Amino acid sequence: MTAPTDWLRRRATATPDAPALDPVEDVGISFAALDGRVEALAAALATLPPARLLAAETDRAEALALLALAAPRAGLALLPVN
């Protein structure tokens, strides 16, 4: 089984400028930009104290997408809460 972050890396390499997320307020994001943001967030999450689960609350779809991709890349499972 392929992890979502592996798929994202392959897609960012193959089609870096293709739109990855639907534009929100006329601002889209490419696969390369999304992969870069996911990598940066995963690196930041990796500096947190050791844990298996990341609980996060957000009302922004883009932020939730980033967390859903970055958490596994940092070795964490995401628990969205509202």
C-alpha atoms as a PDB file:
ATOM      1  CA  MET A   1       0.000   0.000   0.000  1.00  0.00           C
ATOM      2  CA  THR A   2       1.282   3.435  -0.891  1.00  0.00           C
ATOM      3  CA  ALA A   3       1.186   6.191   1.703  1.00  0.00           C
ATOM      4  CA  PRO A   4      -0.574   9.413   0.653  1.00  0.00           C
ATOM      5  CA  THR A   5       2.646  11.353   1.170  1.00  0.00           C
ATOM      6  CA  ASP A   6       4.499   9.025  -1.228  1.00  0.00           C
ATOM      7  CA  TRP A   7       1.828   9.664  -3.837  1.00  0.00           C
ATOM      8  CA  LEU A   8       2.118  13.410  -3.251  1.00  0.00           C
ATOM      9  CA  ARG A   9       5.899  13.358  -3.715  1.00  0.00           C
ATOM     10  CA  ARG A  10       5.591  11.411  -6.976  1.00  0.00           C
ATOM     11  CA  ARG A  11       2.871  13.731  -8.254  1.00  0.00           C
ATOM     12  CA  ALA A  12       4.865  16.850  -7.286  1.00  0.00           C
ATOM     13  CA  THR A  13       7.827  15.488  -9.250  1.00  0.00           C
ATOM     14  CA  ALA A  14       5.800  14.440 -12.295  1.00  0.00           C
ATOM     15  CA  THR A  15       3.498  17.490 -12.527  1.00  0.00           C
ATOM     16  CA  PRO A  16       4.850  20.197 -10.208  1.00  0.00           C
ATOM     17  CA  ASP A  17       2.736  23.033 -11.610  1.00  0.00           C
ATOM     18  CA  ALA A  18      -0.570  21.175 -11.828  1.00  0.00           C
ATOM     19  CA  PRO A  19      -3.236  22.369  -9.373  1.00  0.00           C
ATOM     20  CA  ALA A  20      -3.354  20.191  -6.254  1.00  0.00           C
ATOM     21  CA  LEU A  21      -6.138  21.898  -4.319  1.00  0.00           C
ATOM     22  CA  ASP A  22      -9.138  23.695  -5.715  1.00  0.00           C
ATOM     23  CA  PRO A  23      -8.693  27.424  -5.544  1.00  0.00           C
ATOM     24  CA  VAL A  24      -9.999  29.035  -2.380  1.00  0.00           C
ATOM     25  CA  GLU A  25     -10.720  32.725  -2.834  1.00  0.00           C
ATOM     26  CA  ASP A  26      -9.107  32.519  -6.311  1.00  0.00           C
ATOM     27  CA  VAL A  27      -5.822  31.216  -4.865  1.00  0.00           C
ATOM     28  CA  GLY A  28      -4.834  27.698  -5.919  1.00  0.00           C
ATOM     29  CA  ILE A  29      -1.836  25.620  -4.897  1.00  0.00           C
ATOM     30  CA  SER A  30       0.329  23.454  -7.114  1.00  0.00           C
ATOM     31  CA  PHE A  31       1.499  19.958  -6.261  1.00  0.00           C
ATOM     32  CA  ALA A  32       5.069  21.229  -5.803  1.00  0.00           C
ATOM     33  CA  ALA A  33       3.916  23.983  -3.443  1.00  0.00           C
ATOM     34  CA  LEU A  34       1.686  21.589  -1.517  1.00  0.00           C
ATOM     35  CA  ASP A  35       4.524  19.087  -1.136  1.00  0.00           C
ATOM     36  CA  GLY A  36       6.791  21.885   0.103  1.00  0.00           C
ATOM     37  CA  ARG A  37       4.243  23.014   2.681  1.00  0.00           C
ATOM     38  CA  VAL A  38       3.633  19.441   3.804  1.00  0.00           C
ATOM     39  CA  GLU A  39       7.382  18.850   4.175  1.00  0.00           C
ATOM     40  CA  ALA A  40       7.831  22.053   6.206  1.00  0.00           C
ATOM     41  CA  LEU A  41       4.901  21.227   8.479  1.00  0.00           C
ATOM     42  CA  ALA A  42       6.108  17.627   8.923  1.00  0.00           C
ATOM     43  CA  ALA A  43       9.538  18.926   9.928  1.00  0.00           C
ATOM     44  CA  ALA A  44       7.942  21.230  12.484  1.00  0.00           C
ATOM     45  CA  LEU A  45       5.751  18.422  13.832  1.00  0.00           C
ATOM     46  CA  ALA A  46       8.825  16.205  14.158  1.00  0.00           C
ATOM     47  CA  THR A  47      10.259  18.664  16.706  1.00  0.00           C
ATOM     48  CA  LEU A  48       7.341  18.077  19.092  1.00  0.00           C
ATOM     49  CA  PRO A  49       7.792  15.704  22.036  1.00  0.00           C
ATOM     50  CA  PRO A  50       7.408  12.059  20.980  1.00  0.00           C
ATOM     51  CA  ALA A  51       3.802  11.032  20.449  1.00  0.00           C
ATOM     52  CA  ARG A  52       1.777   8.759  18.242  1.00  0.00           C
ATOM     53  CA  LEU A  53      -1.302  10.898  17.918  1.00  0.00           C
ATOM     54  CA  LEU A  54      -1.764  14.516  16.926  1.00  0.00           C
ATOM     55  CA  ALA A  55      -5.103  16.062  17.881  1.00  0.00           C
ATOM     56  CA  ALA A  56      -5.867  19.208  15.927  1.00  0.00           C
ATOM     57  CA  GLU A  57      -8.823  21.530  15.524  1.00  0.00           C
ATOM     58  CA  THR A  58      -9.256  23.687  12.456  1.00  0.00           C
ATOM     59  CA  ASP A  59     -12.148  25.082  10.493  1.00  0.00           C
ATOM     60  CA  ARG A  60     -10.061  25.517   7.357  1.00  0.00           C
ATOM     61  CA  ALA A  61     -10.176  22.746   4.758  1.00  0.00           C
ATOM     62  CA  GLU A  62      -6.692  23.607   3.447  1.00  0.00           C
ATOM     63  CA  ALA A  63      -5.183  23.393   6.935  1.00  0.00           C
ATOM     64  CA  LEU A  64      -6.843  20.033   7.523  1.00  0.00           C
ATOM     65  CA  ALA A  65      -5.500  18.730   4.191  1.00  0.00           C
ATOM     66  CA  LEU A  66      -1.990  19.872   5.131  1.00  0.00           C
ATOM     67  CA  LEU A  67      -2.231  18.240   8.550  1.00  0.00           C
ATOM     68  CA  ALA A  68      -3.617  15.017   7.074  1.00  0.00           C
ATOM     69  CA  LEU A  69      -0.588  14.763   4.777  1.00  0.00           C
ATOM     70  CA  ALA A  70       2.081  16.108   7.161  1.00  0.00           C
ATOM     71  CA  ALA A  71       1.177  14.072  10.243  1.00  0.00           C
ATOM     72  CA  PRO A  72       1.983  10.661   8.690  1.00  0.00           C
ATOM     73  CA  ARG A  73       5.136  12.079   7.134  1.00  0.00           C
ATOM     74  CA  ALA A  74       6.207  13.031  10.671  1.00  0.00           C
ATOM     75  CA  GLY A  75       5.246   9.571  11.958  1.00  0.00           C
ATOM     76  CA  LEU A  76       2.016  10.694  13.610  1.00  0.00           C
ATOM     77  CA  ALA A  77      -1.624   9.782  13.282  1.00  0.00           C
ATOM     78  CA  LEU A  78      -4.014  12.726  12.999  1.00  0.00           C
ATOM     79  CA  LEU A  79      -7.118  13.018  15.146  1.00  0.00           C
ATOM     80  CA  PRO A  80      -9.235  15.917  13.855  1.00  0.00           C
ATOM     81  CA  VAL A  81     -11.445  17.377  16.575  1.00  0.00           C
ATOM     82  CA  ASN A  82     -14.184  19.987  16.434  1.00  0.00           C
END
